[in-house]
Amino acid sequence: MKYVFKGNSIKEFSKLPREIQAHIKEKLEFYLSSSSPLDFAEHLTDFNLGEYRFRVGDYRIAFDVENDTVKILKVGHRKDMYK
């Protein structure tokens, strides 16, 4: 599986500190390299954010899955994510 940033998610991601960006990338690579990456994801009830989310420490990655691609829709700290 591969991932792509959609909409404002790349801007949100680039505003994060470099060490957080590296940690998020590392976790995404780990999750997506497994045989079933959705085992690490939580299903969201508010589909405005996306269908699933990954948790990386205090940060959240909201995404949808389409074919073999994870489309990242929102990246942010957990306190700001669901506002």
Protein backbone atom coordinates (compact mmCIF):
# COMPACT_ATOMS: atom_id res chain seq x y z
CA MET A 1 0.00 0.00 0.00
CA LYS A 2 1.06 3.57 -0.59
CA TYR A 3 -0.14 6.90 0.76
CA VAL A 4 -0.84 10.33 -0.71
CA PHE A 5 -1.68 13.63 0.94
CA LYS A 6 -4.92 15.27 -0.20
CA GLY A 7 -6.16 18.86 0.20
CA ASN A 8 -4.78 20.77 3.18
CA SER A 9 -3.21 17.71 4.80
CA ILE A 10 0.22 18.39 3.24
CA LYS A 11 0.16 21.93 4.64
CA GLU A 12 -0.89 20.66 8.08
CA PHE A 13 1.87 18.06 7.95
CA SER A 14 4.55 20.55 6.90
CA LYS A 15 3.71 22.86 9.83
CA LEU A 16 4.54 20.12 12.34
CA PRO A 17 8.02 20.01 13.93
CA ARG A 18 10.57 18.03 11.89
CA GLU A 19 10.99 15.28 14.51
CA ILE A 20 7.20 14.75 14.62
CA GLN A 21 7.10 14.60 10.81
CA ALA A 22 9.84 11.96 10.83
CA HIS A 23 8.03 9.94 13.50
CA ILE A 24 4.72 10.09 11.57
CA LYS A 25 6.42 9.02 8.31
CA GLU A 26 8.15 6.16 10.10
CA LYS A 27 4.86 4.93 11.61
CA LEU A 28 3.00 5.27 8.30
CA GLU A 29 5.66 3.17 6.57
CA PHE A 30 5.40 0.56 9.34
CA TYR A 31 1.58 0.44 9.26
CA LEU A 32 1.36 0.26 5.47
CA SER A 33 4.08 -2.37 5.13
CA SER A 34 2.12 -4.84 7.27
CA SER A 35 -0.14 -7.41 5.65
CA SER A 36 -3.32 -5.73 6.98
CA PRO A 37 -2.70 -2.04 7.80
CA LEU A 38 -6.30 -1.40 8.84
CA ASP A 39 -5.68 -3.52 11.94
CA PHE A 40 -3.77 -0.50 13.28
CA ALA A 41 -6.52 1.95 12.30
CA GLU A 42 -9.64 2.98 14.15
CA HIS A 43 -12.92 3.39 12.30
CA LEU A 44 -14.26 6.95 12.66
CA THR A 45 -17.93 7.76 13.23
CA ASP A 46 -17.64 11.29 11.80
CA PHE A 47 -16.99 10.71 8.10
CA ASN A 48 -16.31 14.43 7.52
CA LEU A 49 -12.76 13.76 8.72
CA GLY A 50 -12.36 10.47 6.88
CA GLU A 51 -13.27 6.86 7.32
CA TYR A 52 -10.30 5.80 9.48
CA ARG A 53 -7.54 7.23 11.63
CA PHE A 54 -4.08 6.20 12.73
CA ARG A 55 -2.77 7.23 16.13
CA VAL A 56 0.87 8.27 16.34
CA GLY A 57 1.56 9.41 19.90
CA ASP A 58 -0.46 12.58 20.46
CA TYR A 59 -1.03 13.04 16.72
CA ARG A 60 -3.80 11.69 14.51
CA ILE A 61 -3.93 10.93 10.79
CA ALA A 62 -7.43 10.82 9.29
CA PHE A 63 -7.67 8.98 5.97
CA ASP A 64 -9.77 7.09 3.46
CA VAL A 65 -8.76 3.94 1.61
CA GLU A 66 -9.31 3.75 -2.14
CA ASN A 67 -8.08 0.67 -4.01
CA ASP A 68 -4.49 0.21 -2.81
CA THR A 69 -3.96 3.84 -1.71
CA VAL A 70 -4.35 5.55 1.65
CA LYS A 71 -5.58 9.11 1.02
CA ILE A 72 -4.52 11.25 3.98
CA LEU A 73 -7.15 13.92 4.59
CA LYS A 74 -6.09 15.52 7.87
CA VAL A 75 -3.03 15.47 10.12
CA GLY A 76 -2.85 17.13 13.52
CA HIS A 77 -2.53 17.05 17.27
CA ARG A 78 -5.33 15.20 19.00
CA LYS A 79 -6.55 18.34 20.81
CA ASP A 80 -7.10 20.13 17.46
CA MET A 81 -8.16 17.20 15.33
CA TYR A 82 -11.84 16.89 16.08
CA LYS A 83 -12.82 20.58 16.31
